[in-house]
Amino acid sequence: MIGAEFSSVLDIGDESDNFPLDSIRRKKFLFIDEFEVQRLKPQTEKIIKILAGFGLIRHRKKYHQGQDLQVRSKLLIVSNNFPAMSDASNAIFRRIIPIRFDKVISPAKQIKWFSETQSFDKEMPGILNWTIEGIKELDQMDRIAFELPQSCQDWRDELRSEANQVMRWVEENCVLHGADRCGATFTSLANLFEDYGKWALEEGINRNYVLSKEGLRKKLMQSYHDKLTPKSTGIARGFDGIVLRSKCSF
């Protein structure tokens, strides 16, 4: 229905990708069809941020003059899996609106190759009526119609947690809310890093992606800047507001 003239499917699964600007120029919709990797590389994360945020793509090619292109297309990601990533700043997750498609179409009703059938032609009147009904409903709902549904907010938080190894470790091994019930609210960075290292080993995280002590400190501040307070006791530095579950009695 959108057509190749106004849409393009991008392959940005590899850090070395440098896709041609013609695949973006004058397109209204950009598609990423399935993530083929378990973890996004930094360059891939950067590209997705730019595409989702209508940023500026800088295309550089050896021995050729560089080109810049302002992204004006909507980015749609169609995937069964969302890979892990190194970014904990929430930059990507501020830009995405996740929509879960849970309905399973029975084999007897599935139409897998619309381009080889006349199904769209037959369905166009119904699609038009559906669109008109939706516009009327939007008009009745006024501004509330454009607020992100709670189900989408909850799933976005879930995806962010799963994609961020530090948040996964904190949820599994630490206490943030009610940390005072553990008898103390301060934990040294050394103790946090030791526990995180053991968890990363048990999780089988590639050692290239295991954070250093300073890396863990930065990611904790990025992910929980509103919950943790950096503190130094004179003997050790760490955070107020976080306690290891292994130190709690409840």
C-alpha atoms as a PDB file:
ATOM      1  CA  MET A   1       0.000   0.000   0.000  1.00  0.00           C
ATOM      2  CA  ILE A   2       2.881   2.381   0.748  1.00  0.00           C
ATOM      3  CA  GLY A   3       4.885   1.326  -2.290  1.00  0.00           C
ATOM      4  CA  ALA A   4       8.595   1.256  -3.045  1.00  0.00           C
ATOM      5  CA  GLU A   5       8.518   4.861  -4.203  1.00  0.00           C
ATOM      6  CA  PHE A   6       7.849   6.134  -0.687  1.00  0.00           C
ATOM      7  CA  SER A   7       9.410   3.405   1.460  1.00  0.00           C
ATOM      8  CA  SER A   8      12.682   1.565   1.902  1.00  0.00           C
ATOM      9  CA  VAL A   9      13.896  -1.467   3.866  1.00  0.00           C
ATOM     10  CA  LEU A  10      17.222  -0.831   5.600  1.00  0.00           C
ATOM     11  CA  ASP A  11      19.846  -3.382   6.556  1.00  0.00           C
ATOM     12  CA  ILE A  12      21.797  -1.887   9.456  1.00  0.00           C
ATOM     13  CA  GLY A  13      22.701  -5.007  11.362  1.00  0.00           C
ATOM     14  CA  ASP A  14      26.456  -4.582  11.050  1.00  0.00           C
ATOM     15  CA  GLU A  15      28.731  -1.864  12.407  1.00  0.00           C
ATOM     16  CA  SER A  16      30.434  -1.448   9.047  1.00  0.00           C
ATOM     17  CA  ASP A  17      27.183  -0.686   7.260  1.00  0.00           C
ATOM     18  CA  ASN A  18      27.175   2.538   5.308  1.00  0.00           C
ATOM     19  CA  PHE A  19      23.924   2.316   3.371  1.00  0.00           C
ATOM     20  CA  PRO A  20      23.411   4.630   0.375  1.00  0.00           C
ATOM     21  CA  LEU A  21      21.584   7.878   0.995  1.00  0.00           C
ATOM     22  CA  ASP A  22      19.268   7.094  -1.917  1.00  0.00           C
ATOM     23  CA  SER A  23      17.623   4.484   0.318  1.00  0.00           C
ATOM     24  CA  ILE A  24      16.498   7.344   2.595  1.00  0.00           C
ATOM     25  CA  ARG A  25      16.119  10.359   0.318  1.00  0.00           C
ATOM     26  CA  ARG A  26      12.489  11.345  -0.378  1.00  0.00           C
ATOM     27  CA  LYS A  27      11.148   8.334   1.540  1.00  0.00           C
ATOM     28  CA  LYS A  28       8.195   8.660   3.900  1.00  0.00           C
ATOM     29  CA  PHE A  29       8.718   5.358   5.680  1.00  0.00           C
ATOM     30  CA  LEU A  30      11.868   3.402   6.567  1.00  0.00           C
ATOM     31  CA  PHE A  31      11.634  -0.215   7.686  1.00  0.00           C
ATOM     32  CA  ILE A  32      14.016  -2.399   9.663  1.00  0.00           C
ATOM     33  CA  ASP A  33      12.867  -5.990   9.179  1.00  0.00           C
ATOM     34  CA  GLU A  34      14.072  -8.171  12.065  1.00  0.00           C
ATOM     35  CA  PHE A  35      17.192  -7.715  14.152  1.00  0.00           C
ATOM     36  CA  GLU A  36      19.563 -10.515  13.201  1.00  0.00           C
ATOM     37  CA  VAL A  37      21.948  -9.851  16.112  1.00  0.00           C
ATOM     38  CA  GLN A  38      21.579 -10.358  19.853  1.00  0.00           C
ATOM     39  CA  ARG A  39      23.339  -7.098  20.633  1.00  0.00           C
ATOM     40  CA  LEU A  40      23.461  -3.789  18.786  1.00  0.00           C
ATOM     41  CA  LYS A  41      26.871  -2.326  18.119  1.00  0.00           C
ATOM     42  CA  PRO A  42      27.502   1.336  19.054  1.00  0.00           C
ATOM     43  CA  GLN A  43      27.466   2.516  15.431  1.00  0.00           C
ATOM     44  CA  THR A  44      24.147   0.755  14.826  1.00  0.00           C
ATOM     45  CA  GLU A  45      22.656   2.345  17.947  1.00  0.00           C
ATOM     46  CA  LYS A  46      23.817   5.744  16.721  1.00  0.00           C
ATOM     47  CA  ILE A  47      22.172   5.227  13.315  1.00  0.00           C
ATOM     48  CA  ILE A  48      18.852   4.184  14.887  1.00  0.00           C
ATOM     49  CA  LYS A  49      18.881   7.252  17.143  1.00  0.00           C
ATOM     50  CA  ILE A  50      19.414   9.513  14.134  1.00  0.00           C
ATOM     51  CA  LEU A  51      16.737   7.814  12.031  1.00  0.00           C
ATOM     52  CA  ALA A  52      14.173   7.776  14.850  1.00  0.00           C
ATOM     53  CA  GLY A  53      14.932  11.356  15.875  1.00  0.00           C
ATOM     54  CA  PHE A  54      14.833  12.940  12.374  1.00  0.00           C
ATOM     55  CA  GLY A  55      18.520  13.731  12.673  1.00  0.00           C
ATOM     56  CA  LEU A  56      21.276  14.355  10.164  1.00  0.00           C
ATOM     57  CA  ILE A  57      22.872  11.368   8.407  1.00  0.00           C
ATOM     58  CA  ARG A  58      26.504  12.017   7.555  1.00  0.00           C
ATOM     59  CA  HIS A  59      27.641   9.753   4.743  1.00  0.00           C
ATOM     60  CA  ARG A  60      31.390   9.495   4.338  1.00  0.00           C
ATOM     61  CA  LYS A  61      33.128   7.465   1.629  1.00  0.00           C
ATOM     62  CA  LYS A  62      36.848   7.212   1.027  1.00  0.00           C
ATOM     63  CA  TYR A  63      38.105   9.275  -1.934  1.00  0.00           C
ATOM     64  CA  HIS A  64      34.646  10.854  -2.363  1.00  0.00           C
ATOM     65  CA  GLN A  65      33.116  14.074  -1.136  1.00  0.00           C
ATOM     66  CA  GLY A  66      30.944  13.564   1.937  1.00  0.00           C
ATOM     67  CA  GLN A  67      27.185  14.075   1.878  1.00  0.00           C
ATOM     68  CA  ASP A  68      24.685  15.034   4.572  1.00  0.00           C
ATOM     69  CA  LEU A  69      20.976  14.277   4.550  1.00  0.00           C
ATOM     70  CA  GLN A  70      18.251  15.411   6.931  1.00  0.00           C
ATOM     71  CA  VAL A  71      16.046  12.436   7.824  1.00  0.00           C
ATOM     72  CA  ARG A  72      12.359  13.203   7.290  1.00  0.00           C
ATOM     73  CA  SER A  73      11.011   9.648   7.305  1.00  0.00           C
ATOM     74  CA  LYS A  74       9.144   7.652   9.906  1.00  0.00           C
ATOM     75  CA  LEU A  75      11.118   4.623  11.124  1.00  0.00           C
ATOM     76  CA  LEU A  76       9.232   1.358  11.661  1.00  0.00           C
ATOM     77  CA  ILE A  77      10.993  -1.618  13.231  1.00  0.00           C
ATOM     78  CA  VAL A  78       9.337  -4.993  12.672  1.00  0.00           C
ATOM     79  CA  SER A  79      11.007  -7.644  14.795  1.00  0.00           C
ATOM     80  CA  ASN A  80      10.277 -10.568  17.089  1.00  0.00           C
ATOM     81  CA  ASN A  81      13.274  -9.692  19.255  1.00  0.00           C
ATOM     82  CA  PHE A  82      14.796  -6.523  20.640  1.00  0.00           C
ATOM     83  CA  PRO A  83      18.569  -6.816  21.051  1.00  0.00           C
ATOM     84  CA  ALA A  84      20.704  -5.716  23.977  1.00  0.00           C
ATOM     85  CA  MET A  85      22.500  -2.390  23.706  1.00  0.00           C
ATOM     86  CA  SER A  86      25.154  -0.381  25.483  1.00  0.00           C
ATOM     87  CA  ASP A  87      23.194   2.881  25.656  1.00  0.00           C
ATOM     88  CA  ALA A  88      21.704   3.582  29.093  1.00  0.00           C
ATOM     89  CA  SER A  89      20.791   7.215  28.484  1.00  0.00           C
ATOM     90  CA  ASN A  90      17.241   6.308  27.392  1.00  0.00           C
ATOM     91  CA  ALA A  91      17.861   8.127  24.092  1.00  0.00           C
ATOM     92  CA  ILE A  92      16.546   5.288  21.921  1.00  0.00           C
ATOM     93  CA  PHE A  93      13.656   4.421  24.216  1.00  0.00           C
ATOM     94  CA  ARG A  94      12.454   8.030  24.343  1.00  0.00           C
ATOM     95  CA  ARG A  95      12.037   7.789  20.573  1.00  0.00           C
ATOM     96  CA  ILE A  96      10.214   4.477  20.165  1.00  0.00           C
ATOM     97  CA  ILE A  97       6.543   3.581  20.568  1.00  0.00           C
ATOM     98  CA  PRO A  98       6.383  -0.219  20.976  1.00  0.00           C
ATOM     99  CA  ILE A  99       3.209  -1.928  19.773  1.00  0.00           C
ATOM    100  CA  ARG A 100       2.733  -5.594  20.538  1.00  0.00           C
ATOM    101  CA  PHE A 101       0.934  -7.750  17.982  1.00  0.00           C
ATOM    102  CA  ASP A 102      -0.328 -10.746  19.949  1.00  0.00           C
ATOM    103  CA  LYS A 103      -3.103 -11.985  17.707  1.00  0.00           C
ATOM    104  CA  VAL A 104      -2.318 -15.273  15.994  1.00  0.00           C
ATOM    105  CA  ILE A 105      -3.903 -15.741  12.549  1.00  0.00           C
ATOM    106  CA  SER A 106      -4.951 -19.301  11.858  1.00  0.00           C
ATOM    107  CA  PRO A 107      -3.191 -20.972   8.889  1.00  0.00           C
ATOM    108  CA  ALA A 108      -6.450 -21.143   6.974  1.00  0.00           C
ATOM    109  CA  LYS A 109      -6.826 -17.339   7.091  1.00  0.00           C
ATOM    110  CA  GLN A 110      -3.201 -16.364   6.531  1.00  0.00           C
ATOM    111  CA  ILE A 111      -2.268 -14.461   3.366  1.00  0.00           C
ATOM    112  CA  LYS A 112       1.535 -14.369   3.325  1.00  0.00           C
ATOM    113  CA  TRP A 113       2.235 -12.781  -0.027  1.00  0.00           C
ATOM    114  CA  PHE A 114      -0.119  -9.855  -0.647  1.00  0.00           C
ATOM    115  CA  SER A 115       1.918  -8.701  -3.638  1.00  0.00           C
ATOM    116  CA  GLU A 116       1.016 -11.904  -5.474  1.00  0.00           C
ATOM    117  CA  THR A 117      -2.719 -11.682  -4.771  1.00  0.00           C
ATOM    118  CA  GLN A 118      -5.543  -9.207  -5.281  1.00  0.00           C
ATOM    119  CA  SER A 119      -6.318  -9.184  -1.562  1.00  0.00           C
ATOM    120  CA  PHE A 120      -5.518  -5.513  -1.027  1.00  0.00           C
ATOM    121  CA  ASP A 121      -7.750  -4.482  -3.913  1.00  0.00           C
ATOM    122  CA  LYS A 122     -10.632  -6.403  -2.344  1.00  0.00           C
ATOM    123  CA  GLU A 123      -9.973  -4.983   1.115  1.00  0.00           C
ATOM    124  CA  MET A 124      -9.440  -1.329   0.160  1.00  0.00           C
ATOM    125  CA  PRO A 125     -13.066  -0.205   0.776  1.00  0.00           C
ATOM    126  CA  GLY A 126     -13.004  -1.793   4.219  1.00  0.00           C
ATOM    127  CA  ILE A 127      -9.605  -0.257   5.012  1.00  0.00           C
ATOM    128  CA  LEU A 128     -10.917   3.174   3.980  1.00  0.00           C
ATOM    129  CA  ASN A 129     -13.995   2.803   6.217  1.00  0.00           C
ATOM    130  CA  TRP A 130     -11.759   1.664   9.087  1.00  0.00           C
ATOM    131  CA  THR A 131      -9.572   4.748   8.586  1.00  0.00           C
ATOM    132  CA  ILE A 132     -12.563   7.108   8.573  1.00  0.00           C
ATOM    133  CA  GLU A 133     -13.892   5.529  11.779  1.00  0.00           C
ATOM    134  CA  GLY A 134     -10.485   5.997  13.365  1.00  0.00           C
ATOM    135  CA  ILE A 135     -10.328   9.674  12.412  1.00  0.00           C
ATOM    136  CA  LYS A 136     -13.775  10.260  13.922  1.00  0.00           C
ATOM    137  CA  GLU A 137     -12.715   8.502  17.105  1.00  0.00           C
ATOM    138  CA  LEU A 138      -9.534  10.618  17.301  1.00  0.00           C
ATOM    139  CA  ASP A 139     -11.619  13.779  16.940  1.00  0.00           C
ATOM    140  CA  GLN A 140     -13.896  12.714  19.789  1.00  0.00           C
ATOM    141  CA  MET A 141     -11.005  11.814  22.082  1.00  0.00           C
ATOM    142  CA  ASP A 142      -9.209  15.110  21.405  1.00  0.00           C
ATOM    143  CA  ARG A 143      -5.690  15.396  22.901  1.00  0.00           C
ATOM    144  CA  ILE A 144      -5.947  12.228  25.003  1.00  0.00           C
ATOM    145  CA  ALA A 145      -5.904  10.211  21.775  1.00  0.00           C
ATOM    146  CA  PHE A 146      -2.224  11.027  21.321  1.00  0.00           C
ATOM    147  CA  GLU A 147      -1.126  10.012  24.812  1.00  0.00           C
ATOM    148  CA  LEU A 148       0.895   6.808  24.899  1.00  0.00           C
ATOM    149  CA  PRO A 149      -1.297   3.983  26.293  1.00  0.00           C
ATOM    150  CA  GLN A 150      -0.171   2.496  29.588  1.00  0.00           C
ATOM    151  CA  SER A 151       0.317  -0.905  27.937  1.00  0.00           C
ATOM    152  CA  CYS A 152       2.861   0.646  25.539  1.00  0.00           C
ATOM    153  CA  GLN A 153       4.605   2.475  28.384  1.00  0.00           C
ATOM    154  CA  ASP A 154       4.871  -0.743  30.409  1.00  0.00           C
ATOM    155  CA  TRP A 155       6.257  -2.705  27.464  1.00  0.00           C
ATOM    156  CA  ARG A 156       8.757   0.040  26.663  1.00  0.00           C
ATOM    157  CA  ASP A 157      10.018  -0.110  30.256  1.00  0.00           C
ATOM    158  CA  GLU A 158      10.237  -3.898  29.966  1.00  0.00           C
ATOM    159  CA  LEU A 159      12.190  -3.711  26.698  1.00  0.00           C
ATOM    160  CA  ARG A 160      14.537  -1.104  28.135  1.00  0.00           C
ATOM    161  CA  SER A 161      15.208  -3.270  31.176  1.00  0.00           C
ATOM    162  CA  GLU A 162      15.873  -6.380  29.080  1.00  0.00           C
ATOM    163  CA  ALA A 163      18.169  -4.492  26.691  1.00  0.00           C
ATOM    164  CA  ASN A 164      20.185  -2.875  29.492  1.00  0.00           C
ATOM    165  CA  GLN A 165      22.388  -5.353  31.370  1.00  0.00           C
ATOM    166  CA  VAL A 166      22.885  -2.993  34.335  1.00  0.00           C
ATOM    167  CA  MET A 167      19.136  -2.629  34.843  1.00  0.00           C
ATOM    168  CA  ARG A 168      18.707  -6.408  34.614  1.00  0.00           C
ATOM    169  CA  TRP A 169      21.403  -6.916  37.254  1.00  0.00           C
ATOM    170  CA  VAL A 170      19.884  -4.290  39.551  1.00  0.00           C
ATOM    171  CA  GLU A 171      16.407  -5.823  39.269  1.00  0.00           C
ATOM    172  CA  GLU A 172      17.727  -9.297  40.043  1.00  0.00           C
ATOM    173  CA  ASN A 173      20.420  -8.594  42.642  1.00  0.00           C
ATOM    174  CA  CYS A 174      19.709  -5.211  44.237  1.00  0.00           C
ATOM    175  CA  VAL A 175      17.082  -3.332  46.232  1.00  0.00           C
ATOM    176  CA  LEU A 176      16.256   0.275  45.364  1.00  0.00           C
ATOM    177  CA  HIS A 177      12.799   0.977  46.750  1.00  0.00           C
ATOM    178  CA  GLY A 178      12.766   0.403  50.494  1.00  0.00           C
ATOM    179  CA  ALA A 179      16.524  -0.078  50.698  1.00  0.00           C
ATOM    180  CA  ASP A 180      16.375   1.331  54.233  1.00  0.00           C
ATOM    181  CA  ARG A 181      14.610  -1.880  55.332  1.00  0.00           C
ATOM    182  CA  CYS A 182      17.903  -3.664  54.845  1.00  0.00           C
ATOM    183  CA  GLY A 183      19.435  -1.767  57.759  1.00  0.00           C
ATOM    184  CA  ALA A 184      21.558   0.497  55.536  1.00  0.00           C
ATOM    185  CA  THR A 185      21.140   2.461  52.335  1.00  0.00           C
ATOM    186  CA  PHE A 186      24.793   2.807  51.295  1.00  0.00           C
ATOM    187  CA  THR A 187      26.758   0.270  49.231  1.00  0.00           C
ATOM    188  CA  SER A 188      30.327   0.772  48.105  1.00  0.00           C
ATOM    189  CA  LEU A 189      31.115   0.748  44.401  1.00  0.00           C
ATOM    190  CA  ALA A 190      33.651  -2.027  45.056  1.00  0.00           C
ATOM    191  CA  ASN A 191      30.953  -4.319  46.486  1.00  0.00           C
ATOM    192  CA  LEU A 192      28.524  -3.469  43.703  1.00  0.00           C
ATOM    193  CA  PHE A 193      31.166  -4.152  41.066  1.00  0.00           C
ATOM    194  CA  GLU A 194      32.115  -7.497  42.644  1.00  0.00           C
ATOM    195  CA  ASP A 195      28.484  -8.659  42.643  1.00  0.00           C
ATOM    196  CA  TYR A 196      27.909  -7.379  39.115  1.00  0.00           C
ATOM    197  CA  GLY A 197      30.999  -9.231  37.868  1.00  0.00           C
ATOM    198  CA  LYS A 198      29.761 -12.542  39.305  1.00  0.00           C
ATOM    199  CA  TRP A 199      26.310 -11.974  37.804  1.00  0.00           C
ATOM    200  CA  ALA A 200      27.754 -11.159  34.371  1.00  0.00           C
ATOM    201  CA  LEU A 201      29.811 -14.357  34.455  1.00  0.00           C
ATOM    202  CA  GLU A 202      26.767 -16.458  35.385  1.00  0.00           C
ATOM    203  CA  GLU A 203      24.717 -14.775  32.641  1.00  0.00           C
ATOM    204  CA  GLY A 204      27.370 -15.646  30.065  1.00  0.00           C
ATOM    205  CA  ILE A 205      27.815 -12.039  28.945  1.00  0.00           C
ATOM    206  CA  ASN A 206      30.643 -11.666  26.459  1.00  0.00           C
ATOM    207  CA  ARG A 207      33.677 -10.324  28.306  1.00  0.00           C
ATOM    208  CA  ASN A 208      34.023  -7.598  25.681  1.00  0.00           C
ATOM    209  CA  TYR A 209      30.741  -6.163  26.954  1.00  0.00           C
ATOM    210  CA  VAL A 210      31.328  -6.583  30.685  1.00  0.00           C
ATOM    211  CA  LEU A 211      31.678  -3.136  32.224  1.00  0.00           C
ATOM    212  CA  SER A 212      34.657  -1.820  34.151  1.00  0.00           C
ATOM    213  CA  LYS A 213      34.128  -0.426  37.638  1.00  0.00           C
ATOM    214  CA  GLU A 214      34.005   3.112  36.274  1.00  0.00           C
ATOM    215  CA  GLY A 215      31.715   1.964  33.463  1.00  0.00           C
ATOM    216  CA  LEU A 216      29.320   0.456  36.011  1.00  0.00           C
ATOM    217  CA  ARG A 217      29.329   3.703  38.010  1.00  0.00           C
ATOM    218  CA  LYS A 218      28.419   5.733  34.911  1.00  0.00           C
ATOM    219  CA  LYS A 219      25.675   3.340  33.807  1.00  0.00           C
ATOM    220  CA  LEU A 220      24.134   3.314  37.288  1.00  0.00           C
ATOM    221  CA  MET A 221      24.015   7.109  37.273  1.00  0.00           C
ATOM    222  CA  GLN A 222      22.540   7.182  33.758  1.00  0.00           C
ATOM    223  CA  SER A 223      19.881   4.587  34.511  1.00  0.00           C
ATOM    224  CA  TYR A 224      18.993   5.622  38.086  1.00  0.00           C
ATOM    225  CA  HIS A 225      19.986   9.288  38.338  1.00  0.00           C
ATOM    226  CA  ASP A 226      16.728  10.041  40.164  1.00  0.00           C
ATOM    227  CA  LYS A 227      17.105   7.230  42.718  1.00  0.00           C
ATOM    228  CA  LEU A 228      20.803   7.057  43.610  1.00  0.00           C
ATOM    229  CA  THR A 229      23.023   9.586  45.342  1.00  0.00           C
ATOM    230  CA  PRO A 230      26.817   9.339  44.936  1.00  0.00           C
ATOM    231  CA  LYS A 231      28.528   9.276  48.312  1.00  0.00           C
ATOM    232  CA  SER A 232      32.013   8.936  49.763  1.00  0.00           C
ATOM    233  CA  THR A 233      32.529   7.760  53.349  1.00  0.00           C
ATOM    234  CA  GLY A 234      36.181   8.717  53.407  1.00  0.00           C
ATOM    235  CA  ILE A 235      37.028   5.025  53.186  1.00  0.00           C
ATOM    236  CA  ALA A 236      35.025   4.014  50.124  1.00  0.00           C
ATOM    237  CA  ARG A 237      32.906   5.653  47.459  1.00  0.00           C
ATOM    238  CA  GLY A 238      29.568   4.304  46.389  1.00  0.00           C
ATOM    239  CA  PHE A 239      25.860   5.117  46.344  1.00  0.00           C
ATOM    240  CA  ASP A 240      23.100   5.868  48.788  1.00  0.00           C
ATOM    241  CA  GLY A 241      19.795   4.280  47.817  1.00  0.00           C
ATOM    242  CA  ILE A 242      20.947   0.842  46.668  1.00  0.00           C
ATOM    243  CA  VAL A 243      21.625  -2.346  48.638  1.00  0.00           C
ATOM    244  CA  LEU A 244      22.560  -5.843  47.484  1.00  0.00           C
ATOM    245  CA  ARG A 245      19.805  -8.396  48.035  1.00  0.00           C
ATOM    246  CA  SER A 246      22.380 -10.750  49.546  1.00  0.00           C
ATOM    247  CA  LYS A 247      22.767  -8.239  52.391  1.00  0.00           C
ATOM    248  CA  CYS A 248      19.051  -8.054  53.123  1.00  0.00           C
ATOM    249  CA  SER A 249      17.133 -10.360  55.432  1.00  0.00           C
ATOM    250  CA  PHE A 250      13.745 -10.038  53.663  1.00  0.00           C
END
